[in-house]
Amino acid sequence: MVRIGMLTSGGDCQSLNATMRGVAKAVYRLYDDAQIIGFEDGYKGLMYSDYRIMEPRDFSGILTEGGTILGTSRQPFKLMTTPDENGLDKVELMKQTYKKLKLHCLVVLGGNGSQKTANLLSKEGLNVIGLPKTIDNDLWGTDMTFGFQSAMNIATNAIDCIHTTAASHGRVFIIEVMGHKVGWLTLQAGMAGGADVILIPEIPYDIHRVAEAVKRRNKAGKRFTIIAVAEGAISKEDAALSKKELKKKKAKGSIYPSVSYEIAAQLEQMTGIDTRVTIPGHTQRGGEPCPYDRALSTRLGAHAAKLIHDGEFGKLVVIQNNEVTSVPLEESAGKLKMVDPKGSMVREAKLVGITFGD
């Protein structure tokens, strides 16, 4: 019997179940005698042998179901080599569970941090396959991650819904979109939702430039301005600080709940226009996966099963130029796919008049 372990790690997203289903359906077709073992709550389940033996029926009816039937948890990679609360070696615990269950392979559905741990386990001698999950679309080596398109749809809808109230009241509205380190979600949702200003981590903003854009629209007779702001948007002043200086500044705290509220206060003072903030928050991770993600997840999952069958381990399944393939985990782990400030998408956004505050 071929025994395959599976876990979902890090933040949830809409297409985790669809991807697991893709893996399972292909595995059951490729092997006459296969068993899938699901670990509860991510790497925590692997560490402490918290698992359940899955049946084919467990993967039925979950294509359109958001979240994850296995549960998830965040286990920061930088703490993986730190002993747990009982002084036990986390990596050794995971290896012991893998060997005890006589697994043929471990399938990890997760984002950047999760894949770094997957690569660590691969280097420790375990057979591992990674699948690219994140609403941030920031995993290096793949054109698209599952979960991104669904989250983009929700973020775009939030911007769409704000348009009417912004126009009615003649206000500036800031919509804060998820994304601490990269701005793909904010950039694409902002473009799709017709935002006038887009602020992302990769392009530090000058608040005066943003205020100028608002005033320019107001002078042109435009009653409102829509601003899409990534959680991790950063001002030019803060971007100029060293990491140590920025960390020290953040440690002092802020009177504002997030960067969006700080920007709102600054703009209201500089323009005299009522400014409001809307934060869709975790709704961007929730709900059912969109059709694009369902199809992508099915393809990625099926390819993962083929890699297992062919004995090609230590790989991250990716999509490049609309073809599903794989890259070595060690080449992808730890690398973020950032928005290029001089890339074509930013250039095209600027051509239609979108301001980035730079």
Protein backbone atom coordinates (compact mmCIF):
# COMPACT_ATOMS: atom_id res chain seq x y z
CA MET A 1 0.00 0.00 0.00
CA VAL A 2 1.15 3.52 -0.86
CA ARG A 3 0.55 5.92 2.02
CA ILE A 4 0.50 9.64 1.30
CA GLY A 5 0.37 12.33 3.95
CA MET A 6 -1.32 15.67 3.31
CA LEU A 7 -1.54 18.92 5.26
CA THR A 8 -2.64 22.52 4.79
CA SER A 9 -0.50 25.15 6.48
CA GLY A 10 -0.57 28.92 7.06
CA GLY A 11 -3.48 31.21 6.25
CA ASP A 12 -6.53 29.59 4.71
CA CYS A 13 -7.90 30.39 1.27
CA GLN A 14 -10.84 29.43 -0.89
CA SER A 15 -9.28 26.61 -2.91
CA LEU A 16 -7.46 24.37 -0.46
CA ASN A 17 -10.18 21.74 -0.54
CA ALA A 18 -10.34 21.82 -4.33
CA THR A 19 -6.59 21.21 -4.52
CA MET A 20 -6.68 18.33 -2.05
CA ARG A 21 -9.50 16.85 -4.07
CA GLY A 22 -7.40 17.11 -7.23
CA VAL A 23 -4.53 15.26 -5.55
CA ALA A 24 -6.78 12.56 -4.11
CA LYS A 25 -8.81 11.83 -7.23
CA ALA A 26 -5.65 11.45 -9.31
CA VAL A 27 -3.89 9.35 -6.64
CA TYR A 28 -6.80 6.93 -6.45
CA ARG A 29 -6.68 6.52 -10.23
CA LEU A 30 -2.90 6.09 -10.43
CA TYR A 31 -2.63 3.53 -7.63
CA ASP A 32 -4.64 0.37 -7.08
CA ASP A 33 -3.97 0.50 -3.36
CA ALA A 34 -3.43 3.97 -1.92
CA GLN A 35 -4.21 5.55 1.41
CA ILE A 36 -4.25 9.28 2.15
CA ILE A 37 -3.55 10.45 5.69
CA GLY A 38 -4.65 13.97 6.56
CA PHE A 39 -2.83 15.87 9.30
CA GLU A 40 -4.96 18.19 11.39
CA ASP A 41 -4.06 21.88 11.67
CA GLY A 42 -1.00 21.92 9.46
CA TYR A 43 2.50 21.08 10.64
CA LYS A 44 1.20 20.88 14.20
CA GLY A 45 -0.64 17.70 13.25
CA LEU A 46 2.52 16.25 11.72
CA MET A 47 4.53 17.11 14.83
CA TYR A 48 2.14 15.53 17.31
CA SER A 49 0.68 12.71 15.20
CA ASP A 50 -2.74 14.31 15.05
CA TYR A 51 -4.12 12.75 11.89
CA ARG A 52 -6.99 10.91 10.34
CA ILE A 53 -7.14 8.31 7.61
CA MET A 54 -9.07 9.77 4.70
CA GLU A 55 -11.55 7.90 2.56
CA PRO A 56 -12.44 8.66 -1.08
CA ARG A 57 -15.80 9.98 0.12
CA ASP A 58 -14.00 12.65 2.18
CA PHE A 59 -12.97 14.32 -1.05
CA SER A 60 -16.44 14.27 -2.55
CA GLY A 61 -18.44 17.50 -2.66
CA ILE A 62 -15.57 19.77 -1.56
CA LEU A 63 -14.66 21.30 -4.93
CA THR A 64 -16.76 24.38 -4.18
CA GLU A 65 -16.16 24.45 -0.42
CA GLY A 66 -13.89 27.19 0.96
CA GLY A 67 -11.52 26.84 3.90
CA THR A 68 -9.87 23.49 4.61
CA ILE A 69 -11.41 20.26 5.86
CA LEU A 70 -8.12 19.47 7.62
CA GLY A 71 -7.82 22.75 9.48
CA THR A 72 -4.70 24.90 9.45
CA SER A 73 -2.32 26.79 11.71
CA ARG A 74 0.61 29.12 11.34
CA GLN A 75 3.96 27.62 12.30
CA PRO A 76 6.59 30.29 11.52
CA PHE A 77 9.58 28.87 9.70
CA LYS A 78 12.03 30.86 11.81
CA LEU A 79 10.75 28.96 14.88
CA MET A 80 10.90 25.49 13.32
CA THR A 81 14.39 24.84 14.67
CA THR A 82 13.40 26.16 18.11
CA PRO A 83 12.28 23.46 20.60
CA ASP A 84 8.57 23.34 21.41
CA GLU A 85 7.12 24.21 24.82
CA ASN A 86 8.18 20.78 26.09
CA GLY A 87 11.73 21.20 24.84
CA LEU A 88 11.22 18.76 21.96
CA ASP A 89 12.80 19.12 18.53
CA LYS A 90 10.00 20.02 16.11
CA VAL A 91 11.78 18.75 13.01
CA GLU A 92 12.57 15.42 14.68
CA LEU A 93 8.95 15.10 15.80
CA MET A 94 7.77 15.53 12.20
CA LYS A 95 10.31 13.03 10.91
CA GLN A 96 9.28 10.50 13.54
CA THR A 97 5.60 10.80 12.58
CA TYR A 98 6.46 10.43 8.89
CA LYS A 99 8.49 7.27 9.56
CA LYS A 100 6.04 5.81 12.06
CA LEU A 101 3.23 6.03 9.52
CA LYS A 102 5.52 4.69 6.79
CA LEU A 103 4.59 7.49 4.43
CA HIS A 104 5.65 7.34 0.81
CA CYS A 105 5.31 11.11 0.46
CA LEU A 106 4.12 14.25 2.23
CA VAL A 107 2.05 16.79 0.27
CA VAL A 108 2.18 20.33 1.65
CA LEU A 109 -0.37 22.93 0.60
CA GLY A 110 0.94 26.28 1.72
CA GLY A 111 2.55 29.62 1.03
CA ASN A 112 6.07 30.91 1.34
CA GLY A 113 6.76 30.01 4.97
CA SER A 114 5.09 26.61 4.61
CA GLN A 115 7.18 25.78 1.55
CA LYS A 116 10.37 26.76 3.38
CA THR A 117 9.51 24.15 5.98
CA ALA A 118 8.64 21.68 3.20
CA ASN A 119 12.09 22.28 1.73
CA LEU A 120 13.67 21.77 5.16
CA LEU A 121 11.93 18.39 5.50
CA SER A 122 12.99 17.49 1.98
CA LYS A 123 16.60 18.19 2.90
CA GLU A 124 16.11 16.00 5.97
CA GLY A 125 15.41 13.09 3.62
CA LEU A 126 11.61 13.03 3.45
CA ASN A 127 9.76 12.74 0.15
CA VAL A 128 7.90 16.04 -0.16
CA ILE A 129 5.73 17.73 -2.79
CA GLY A 130 4.62 21.34 -2.40
CA LEU A 131 1.50 23.01 -3.76
CA PRO A 132 1.39 26.84 -4.10
CA LYS A 133 -1.30 28.29 -1.85
CA THR A 134 -1.56 31.99 -1.08
CA ILE A 135 -3.95 34.84 -1.80
CA ASP A 136 -0.85 37.05 -2.18
CA ASN A 137 0.39 35.32 -5.36
CA ASP A 138 3.93 35.87 -4.09
CA LEU A 139 5.47 32.40 -4.43
CA TRP A 140 8.52 32.47 -6.65
CA GLY A 141 8.46 30.14 -9.65
CA THR A 142 4.72 30.12 -10.39
CA ASP A 143 2.69 32.57 -12.45
CA MET A 144 -0.33 32.01 -10.23
CA THR A 145 -1.13 30.58 -6.81
CA PHE A 146 -4.48 29.02 -6.01
CA GLY A 147 -6.61 31.30 -3.86
CA PHE A 148 -5.39 34.51 -5.47
CA GLN A 149 -8.10 34.88 -8.08
CA SER A 150 -10.89 34.21 -5.58
CA ALA A 151 -9.46 36.78 -3.17
CA MET A 152 -9.05 39.26 -6.00
CA ASN A 153 -12.71 38.84 -6.91
CA ILE A 154 -13.75 39.67 -3.35
CA ALA A 155 -11.40 42.65 -3.04
CA THR A 156 -12.60 43.95 -6.40
CA ASN A 157 -16.22 43.57 -5.35
CA ALA A 158 -15.47 45.59 -2.21
CA ILE A 159 -14.07 48.39 -4.37
CA ASP A 160 -17.07 48.14 -6.72
CA CYS A 161 -19.49 48.48 -3.81
CA ILE A 162 -17.66 51.53 -2.45
CA HIS A 163 -17.96 53.42 -5.75
CA THR A 164 -21.63 54.25 -5.36
CA THR A 165 -21.44 55.56 -1.81
CA ALA A 166 -18.23 57.46 -2.59
CA ALA A 167 -19.90 59.13 -5.56
CA SER A 168 -23.07 59.87 -3.60
CA HIS A 169 -21.26 61.61 -0.75
CA GLY A 170 -18.35 63.12 -2.68
CA ARG A 171 -15.76 61.50 -0.45
CA VAL A 172 -12.36 59.93 -0.65
CA PHE A 173 -12.59 56.23 0.14
CA ILE A 174 -9.64 54.02 1.06
CA ILE A 175 -10.06 50.26 0.69
CA GLU A 176 -7.38 48.33 2.55
CA VAL A 177 -6.49 45.10 0.76
CA MET A 178 -4.51 42.20 2.22
CA GLY A 179 -0.80 42.05 1.46
CA HIS A 180 1.93 42.82 4.00
CA LYS A 181 4.98 42.30 1.82
CA VAL A 182 3.78 42.25 -1.79
CA GLY A 183 1.12 44.16 -3.70
CA TRP A 184 -0.20 41.79 -6.36
CA LEU A 185 -3.66 41.57 -4.80
CA THR A 186 -4.00 45.32 -4.30
CA LEU A 187 -2.60 46.09 -7.74
CA GLN A 188 -4.89 43.78 -9.68
CA ALA A 189 -8.01 44.38 -7.57
CA GLY A 190 -7.34 48.10 -7.77
CA MET A 191 -7.08 47.99 -11.54
CA ALA A 192 -10.14 45.75 -11.88
CA GLY A 193 -12.15 47.97 -9.52
CA GLY A 194 -11.22 51.24 -11.16
CA ALA A 195 -9.18 52.66 -8.26
CA ASP A 196 -7.72 56.10 -8.87
CA VAL A 197 -4.76 55.56 -6.54
CA ILE A 198 -3.00 52.28 -5.72
CA LEU A 199 -0.44 52.06 -2.92
CA ILE A 200 1.65 48.89 -2.59
CA PRO A 201 4.73 47.87 -0.55
CA GLU A 202 7.02 47.76 -3.59
CA ILE A 203 6.44 51.45 -4.43
CA PRO A 204 6.93 53.71 -1.38
CA TYR A 205 4.47 56.58 -1.55
CA ASP A 206 4.78 60.32 -1.05
CA ILE A 207 1.62 61.46 0.73
CA HIS A 208 1.89 64.84 -1.00
CA ARG A 209 1.69 63.13 -4.40
CA VAL A 210 -1.40 61.23 -3.25
CA ALA A 211 -3.00 64.46 -2.00
CA GLU A 212 -2.18 66.14 -5.32
CA ALA A 213 -4.00 63.36 -7.17
CA VAL A 214 -7.08 63.82 -4.98
CA LYS A 215 -7.05 67.61 -5.47
CA ARG A 216 -6.56 67.19 -9.21
CA ARG A 217 -9.63 64.97 -9.48
CA ASN A 218 -11.66 67.37 -7.34
CA LYS A 219 -10.62 70.33 -9.49
CA ALA A 220 -11.62 68.38 -12.61
CA GLY A 221 -15.13 68.00 -11.22
CA LYS A 222 -14.75 64.39 -10.02
CA ARG A 223 -16.80 64.07 -6.83
CA PHE A 224 -14.86 61.20 -5.33
CA THR A 225 -11.53 59.34 -5.28
CA ILE A 226 -11.03 55.62 -4.71
CA ILE A 227 -7.71 54.55 -3.17
CA ALA A 228 -6.67 50.89 -2.91
CA VAL A 229 -4.04 50.46 -0.18
CA ALA A 230 -2.11 47.29 0.63
CA GLU A 231 -1.71 46.45 4.32
CA GLY A 232 2.04 46.77 3.89
CA ALA A 233 2.05 50.07 1.98
CA ILE A 234 4.93 52.21 3.18
CA SER A 235 5.75 55.90 2.94
CA LYS A 236 8.98 57.12 1.37
CA GLU A 237 10.06 58.43 4.77
CA ASP A 238 9.70 55.01 6.42
CA ALA A 239 11.22 53.22 3.42
CA ALA A 240 14.34 55.38 3.81
CA LEU A 241 14.86 54.12 7.38
CA SER A 242 17.15 51.20 8.13
CA LYS A 243 15.51 47.95 9.24
CA LYS A 244 16.65 48.63 12.78
CA GLU A 245 15.25 52.17 12.74
CA LEU A 246 11.93 51.05 11.24
CA LYS A 247 11.61 48.25 13.78
CA LYS A 248 12.28 50.72 16.59
CA LYS A 249 9.65 53.11 15.22
CA LYS A 250 7.04 50.35 14.94
CA ALA A 251 7.83 49.18 18.47
CA LYS A 252 6.70 52.57 19.77
CA GLY A 253 3.26 51.89 18.32
CA SER A 254 0.92 54.14 16.40
CA ILE A 255 -2.26 56.03 17.15
CA TYR A 256 -3.71 54.55 13.96
CA PRO A 257 -5.09 50.99 13.64
CA SER A 258 -3.38 50.59 10.25
CA VAL A 259 -1.58 52.48 7.52
CA SER A 260 -4.91 53.22 5.80
CA TYR A 261 -6.18 55.23 8.77
CA GLU A 262 -2.96 57.21 8.90
CA ILE A 263 -3.24 58.01 5.19
CA ALA A 264 -6.90 58.96 5.65
CA ALA A 265 -6.07 61.40 8.44
CA GLN A 266 -3.27 62.96 6.41
CA LEU A 267 -5.38 63.34 3.28
CA GLU A 268 -8.33 64.83 5.13
CA GLN A 269 -6.03 67.43 6.67
CA MET A 270 -4.26 68.17 3.36
CA THR A 271 -7.34 68.26 1.09
CA GLY A 272 -10.23 69.15 3.37
CA ILE A 273 -12.26 66.30 1.84
CA ASP A 274 -14.05 63.73 4.00
CA THR A 275 -12.06 60.49 3.86
CA ARG A 276 -13.28 57.07 4.94
CA VAL A 277 -11.61 53.68 5.31
CA THR A 278 -13.10 50.28 4.46
CA ILE A 279 -11.31 47.04 5.35
CA PRO A 280 -12.71 43.84 3.81
CA GLY A 281 -10.20 41.91 5.93
CA HIS A 282 -10.61 38.16 6.16
CA THR A 283 -13.61 38.14 3.83
CA GLN A 284 -10.88 38.08 1.15
CA ARG A 285 -9.92 34.58 2.30
CA GLY A 286 -13.48 33.35 2.68
CA GLY A 287 -16.35 31.97 0.66
CA GLU A 288 -16.28 29.50 -2.18
CA PRO A 289 -13.47 29.36 -4.74
CA CYS A 290 -14.13 31.01 -8.08
CA PRO A 291 -14.27 28.82 -11.23
CA TYR A 292 -10.73 29.82 -12.25
CA ASP A 293 -9.32 28.63 -8.92
CA ARG A 294 -11.29 25.39 -9.06
CA ALA A 295 -9.83 24.56 -12.45
CA LEU A 296 -6.31 25.64 -11.46
CA SER A 297 -6.45 23.67 -8.21
CA THR A 298 -7.62 20.54 -10.00
CA ARG A 299 -4.74 20.81 -12.48
CA LEU A 300 -2.12 21.47 -9.79
CA GLY A 301 -3.42 18.65 -7.60
CA ALA A 302 -3.45 16.15 -10.46
CA HIS A 303 0.12 17.08 -11.40
CA ALA A 304 1.23 16.58 -7.80
CA ALA A 305 -0.18 13.04 -7.91
CA LYS A 306 1.74 12.38 -11.14
CA LEU A 307 4.99 13.57 -9.55
CA ILE A 308 4.39 11.21 -6.62
CA HIS A 309 3.71 8.33 -9.00
CA ASP A 310 6.87 9.11 -10.97
CA GLY A 311 8.99 9.42 -7.84
CA GLU A 312 9.87 13.07 -8.47
CA PHE A 313 10.07 14.54 -5.00
CA GLY A 314 11.42 17.77 -3.56
CA LYS A 315 9.32 19.74 -6.05
CA LEU A 316 6.86 22.63 -5.94
CA VAL A 317 4.03 22.28 -8.46
CA VAL A 318 3.66 25.51 -10.44
CA ILE A 319 1.97 26.98 -13.48
CA GLN A 320 4.06 28.81 -16.06
CA ASN A 321 2.69 30.15 -19.35
CA ASN A 322 -0.56 28.26 -18.62
CA GLU A 323 1.29 24.93 -18.44
CA VAL A 324 1.49 23.03 -15.15
CA THR A 325 5.02 21.95 -14.30
CA SER A 326 7.31 21.93 -11.27
CA VAL A 327 10.41 23.60 -9.87
CA PRO A 328 12.75 22.35 -7.12
CA LEU A 329 11.56 23.36 -3.67
CA GLU A 330 15.01 24.68 -2.83
CA GLU A 331 14.84 27.11 -5.77
CA SER A 332 11.50 28.57 -4.68
CA ALA A 333 11.62 28.42 -0.88
CA GLY A 334 12.43 31.75 0.72
CA LYS A 335 12.00 33.81 -2.45
CA LEU A 336 9.17 36.27 -2.83
CA LYS A 337 7.71 37.16 -6.21
CA MET A 338 7.46 40.93 -5.92
CA VAL A 339 5.65 43.45 -8.10
CA ASP A 340 8.21 45.12 -10.36
CA PRO A 341 7.76 48.90 -9.98
CA LYS A 342 9.00 49.25 -13.56
CA GLY A 343 7.11 46.23 -14.88
CA SER A 344 4.48 46.24 -17.60
CA MET A 345 1.47 46.04 -15.27
CA VAL A 346 2.50 49.14 -13.33
CA ARG A 347 3.33 50.97 -16.57
CA GLU A 348 -0.07 50.12 -18.02
CA ALA A 349 -1.83 51.22 -14.84
CA LYS A 350 -0.05 54.56 -15.00
CA LEU A 351 -1.00 54.95 -18.66
CA VAL A 352 -4.68 54.95 -17.73
CA GLY A 353 -4.07 57.55 -15.03
CA ILE A 354 -3.65 55.50 -11.87
CA THR A 355 -1.40 57.18 -9.30
CA PHE A 356 1.06 55.16 -7.18
CA GLY A 357 2.26 58.05 -5.06
CA ASP A 358 5.84 57.80 -6.32
